[in-house]
Amino acid sequence: MSTSTNITWHDSEVTKAERQERNGHKSVVIWFTGLSGSGKSTVSVALEKALFEQKITSYRLDGDNIRHGLNKNLGFSPEDRKENIRRIGEVGKLMVDAGVVTMTAFISPYEEDRNIVRDILEDGEFIEVYTKCSLDECEARDPKGLYKKARSGEIKEFTGINAPYEEPSNPEITIDTEQHSVEEAVEEIVAYLKEHKYL
């Protein structure tokens, strides 16, 4: 992959702080991580709707959707997973600069990669939400039939079956989706955002 060298960063005359002030809230990346089937997309969809109803400028980046476009040239090797997450981190940074509360729903199995995204953003702009759910329960849910395909050998390097998932060591929020409903998860995240003065 070649890199551009003759490029210059152009600052905007509108600052992130000015956008946040006009919106009436801070901007942040809420990074959902967890096994396939753990509830990342489901909770992030519900959170986006709840924030929208509260007139919060928000947007959701979903793993499958991003792989249809921006990252359609990437596979699922560790190297491609790393690049997938790096690109999302850079998009998240742009969204935060635009004053948007941004939700991302990506398995993002490697702690190092999630920490790279945390480092791309400024302090306080990355909230890691771990949708905790046992492999057995995720496999029982199997909303996309992916575990079944992984078990039969149709899918190689599937997280939790034949590729690792590294649980977050210190997430800002942990949601046990076996114990809590989607509504309870959304309430907990919104409460965190209010308590920490994002909203």
Protein backbone atom coordinates (compact mmCIF):
# COMPACT_ATOMS: atom_id res chain seq x y z
CA MET A 1 0.00 0.00 0.00
CA SER A 2 1.54 3.32 -1.07
CA THR A 3 1.31 6.37 1.13
CA SER A 4 0.86 9.96 0.07
CA THR A 5 3.67 12.31 1.03
CA ASN A 6 2.74 15.63 -0.59
CA ILE A 7 -0.27 16.31 1.60
CA THR A 8 -1.09 19.08 4.07
CA TRP A 9 -3.71 19.11 6.81
CA HIS A 10 -6.16 22.01 6.35
CA ASP A 11 -7.80 23.30 9.52
CA SER A 12 -11.46 24.30 9.47
CA GLU A 13 -12.67 27.69 10.61
CA VAL A 14 -15.37 25.91 12.59
CA THR A 15 -14.04 24.09 15.65
CA LYS A 16 -15.19 20.89 17.25
CA ALA A 17 -16.03 22.86 20.40
CA GLU A 18 -18.22 25.26 18.39
CA ARG A 19 -20.09 22.35 16.79
CA GLN A 20 -20.60 20.75 20.21
CA GLU A 21 -21.85 24.04 21.66
CA ARG A 22 -24.38 24.49 18.83
CA ASN A 23 -25.55 20.87 19.22
CA GLY A 24 -25.87 21.23 22.99
CA HIS A 25 -23.86 18.10 23.74
CA LYS A 26 -20.35 16.69 23.48
CA SER A 27 -19.31 14.33 20.69
CA VAL A 28 -17.84 10.93 21.41
CA VAL A 29 -17.31 7.45 19.97
CA ILE A 30 -19.28 4.77 21.80
CA TRP A 31 -17.42 1.62 20.79
CA PHE A 32 -19.44 -1.59 21.14
CA THR A 33 -17.31 -4.74 21.23
CA GLY A 34 -18.28 -8.35 21.80
CA LEU A 35 -18.78 -11.69 20.14
CA SER A 36 -21.03 -12.10 17.12
CA GLY A 37 -24.57 -12.39 18.51
CA SER A 38 -23.73 -10.65 21.79
CA GLY A 39 -26.07 -7.73 21.08
CA LYS A 40 -23.73 -5.03 19.77
CA SER A 41 -25.84 -4.07 16.77
CA THR A 42 -29.15 -4.54 18.55
CA VAL A 43 -28.20 -2.29 21.46
CA SER A 44 -26.47 0.30 19.25
CA VAL A 45 -29.57 0.54 17.00
CA ALA A 46 -31.79 1.09 20.04
CA LEU A 47 -29.35 3.62 21.52
CA GLU A 48 -29.19 5.57 18.26
CA LYS A 49 -33.00 5.77 18.19
CA ALA A 50 -33.17 6.85 21.83
CA LEU A 51 -30.57 9.59 21.28
CA PHE A 52 -32.30 10.76 18.09
CA GLU A 53 -35.58 11.05 19.99
CA GLN A 54 -33.76 13.23 22.53
CA LYS A 55 -32.57 15.44 19.64
CA ILE A 56 -28.94 14.32 20.03
CA THR A 57 -26.92 14.47 16.81
CA SER A 58 -25.86 10.86 16.44
CA TYR A 59 -24.89 8.24 13.87
CA ARG A 60 -24.21 4.51 13.94
CA LEU A 61 -21.41 2.71 12.11
CA ASP A 62 -22.16 -1.01 11.83
CA GLY A 63 -19.57 -3.67 11.02
CA ASP A 64 -21.46 -5.35 8.19
CA ASN A 65 -22.52 -2.04 6.65
CA ILE A 66 -18.96 -0.69 6.61
CA ARG A 67 -17.69 -3.87 4.97
CA HIS A 68 -20.21 -3.32 2.15
CA GLY A 69 -18.49 -0.07 1.21
CA LEU A 70 -15.52 1.58 2.88
CA ASN A 71 -13.84 -1.69 3.87
CA LYS A 72 -15.11 -4.06 1.20
CA ASN A 73 -11.52 -4.80 0.15
CA LEU A 74 -10.68 -6.31 3.56
CA GLY A 75 -11.00 -9.92 4.69
CA PHE A 76 -10.84 -11.41 8.17
CA SER A 77 -7.15 -12.16 8.65
CA PRO A 78 -5.62 -10.56 11.76
CA GLU A 79 -3.95 -7.95 9.50
CA ASP A 80 -7.21 -7.09 7.73
CA ARG A 81 -9.11 -6.98 11.01
CA LYS A 82 -6.50 -4.53 12.33
CA GLU A 83 -6.86 -2.31 9.25
CA ASN A 84 -10.67 -2.54 9.42
CA ILE A 85 -10.63 -1.25 12.98
CA ARG A 86 -8.00 1.43 12.25
CA ARG A 87 -10.11 2.84 9.43
CA ILE A 88 -13.19 2.89 11.63
CA GLY A 89 -11.20 4.71 14.28
CA GLU A 90 -10.24 7.37 11.75
CA VAL A 91 -13.86 7.70 10.58
CA GLY A 92 -14.92 7.93 14.23
CA LYS A 93 -12.45 10.76 14.79
CA LEU A 94 -13.92 12.67 11.83
CA MET A 95 -17.43 12.12 13.20
CA VAL A 96 -16.38 13.42 16.63
CA ASP A 97 -14.79 16.46 14.98
CA ALA A 98 -18.16 17.01 13.26
CA GLY A 99 -19.86 17.11 16.67
CA VAL A 100 -21.62 13.75 16.36
CA VAL A 101 -22.21 11.10 19.04
CA THR A 102 -21.02 8.08 17.08
CA MET A 103 -21.83 4.47 17.87
CA THR A 104 -19.76 1.67 16.36
CA ALA A 105 -20.70 -2.01 16.45
CA PHE A 106 -17.69 -4.16 15.56
CA ILE A 107 -16.52 -7.44 17.04
CA SER A 108 -13.05 -5.82 17.19
CA PRO A 109 -11.58 -8.93 18.81
CA TYR A 110 -8.10 -7.63 19.66
CA GLU A 111 -7.55 -5.36 22.65
CA GLU A 112 -4.48 -3.81 21.01
CA ASP A 113 -6.57 -2.67 18.03
CA ARG A 114 -9.26 -1.17 20.26
CA ASN A 115 -6.55 0.67 22.20
CA ILE A 116 -5.14 2.04 18.94
CA VAL A 117 -8.56 3.56 18.25
CA ARG A 118 -8.67 4.95 21.79
CA ASP A 119 -5.29 6.61 21.09
CA ILE A 120 -6.53 8.08 17.77
CA LEU A 121 -9.15 10.01 19.72
CA GLU A 122 -8.63 12.60 22.43
CA ASP A 123 -9.06 11.80 26.13
CA GLY A 124 -12.70 11.18 26.98
CA GLU A 125 -13.77 10.72 23.36
CA PHE A 126 -13.79 6.89 23.40
CA ILE A 127 -16.30 4.94 25.48
CA GLU A 128 -15.79 1.19 25.25
CA VAL A 129 -18.99 -0.80 25.76
CA TYR A 130 -18.48 -4.53 26.20
CA THR A 131 -21.60 -6.50 25.31
CA LYS A 132 -20.76 -9.47 27.48
CA CYS A 133 -22.40 -12.72 26.50
CA SER A 134 -21.23 -16.33 26.78
CA LEU A 135 -20.14 -18.13 23.64
CA ASP A 136 -22.84 -20.74 24.31
CA GLU A 137 -25.57 -18.09 24.35
CA CYS A 138 -24.20 -16.27 21.30
CA GLU A 139 -24.09 -19.56 19.45
CA ALA A 140 -27.65 -20.40 20.57
CA ARG A 141 -28.85 -17.02 19.26
CA ASP A 142 -26.79 -17.21 16.03
CA PRO A 143 -28.95 -14.55 14.31
CA LYS A 144 -27.03 -14.76 11.03
CA GLY A 145 -26.29 -18.49 11.06
CA LEU A 146 -22.57 -17.74 11.23
CA TYR A 147 -21.68 -20.05 14.12
CA LYS A 148 -23.28 -22.95 12.31
CA LYS A 149 -21.21 -22.15 9.21
CA ALA A 150 -18.04 -21.77 11.30
CA ARG A 151 -18.63 -25.11 13.02
CA SER A 152 -19.11 -26.82 9.64
CA GLY A 153 -15.89 -25.28 8.29
CA GLU A 154 -17.60 -22.93 5.82
CA ILE A 155 -16.21 -19.86 7.60
CA LYS A 156 -12.53 -19.76 8.53
CA GLU A 157 -11.10 -17.47 11.22
CA PHE A 158 -14.48 -16.91 12.91
CA THR A 159 -14.17 -15.13 16.24
CA GLY A 160 -14.91 -17.35 19.21
CA ILE A 161 -14.66 -20.59 17.21
CA ASN A 162 -11.35 -20.65 15.34
CA ALA A 163 -10.12 -17.10 15.97
CA PRO A 164 -9.62 -15.41 19.36
CA TYR A 165 -11.69 -12.77 21.12
CA GLU A 166 -9.88 -10.75 23.77
CA GLU A 167 -12.29 -9.41 26.38
CA PRO A 168 -11.77 -5.73 27.27
CA SER A 169 -9.66 -5.43 30.40
CA ASN A 170 -11.11 -2.09 31.52
CA PRO A 171 -14.19 -1.02 29.50
CA GLU A 172 -16.10 2.09 30.53
CA ILE A 173 -19.35 0.11 30.42
CA THR A 174 -20.07 -3.63 30.56
CA ILE A 175 -23.53 -4.82 29.56
CA ASP A 176 -24.34 -8.45 30.33
CA THR A 177 -26.84 -9.08 27.55
CA GLU A 178 -27.86 -12.41 29.03
CA GLN A 179 -29.05 -10.63 32.18
CA HIS A 180 -30.27 -7.27 30.85
CA SER A 181 -32.82 -6.30 28.22
CA VAL A 182 -32.04 -3.99 25.32
CA GLU A 183 -34.06 -1.25 27.05
CA GLU A 184 -32.07 -1.66 30.27
CA ALA A 185 -28.81 -1.54 28.29
CA VAL A 186 -29.83 1.71 26.59
CA GLU A 187 -30.87 3.23 29.92
CA GLU A 188 -27.51 2.33 31.46
CA ILE A 189 -25.54 3.89 28.59
CA VAL A 190 -27.65 7.06 28.53
CA ALA A 191 -27.23 7.36 32.31
CA TYR A 192 -23.45 7.08 31.87
CA LEU A 193 -23.48 9.78 29.17
CA LYS A 194 -25.45 12.12 31.41
CA GLU A 195 -23.40 11.39 34.53
CA HIS A 196 -20.16 12.12 32.64
CA LYS A 197 -21.58 15.32 31.07
CA TYR A 198 -21.63 14.16 27.44
CA LEU A 199 -25.34 15.02 27.24
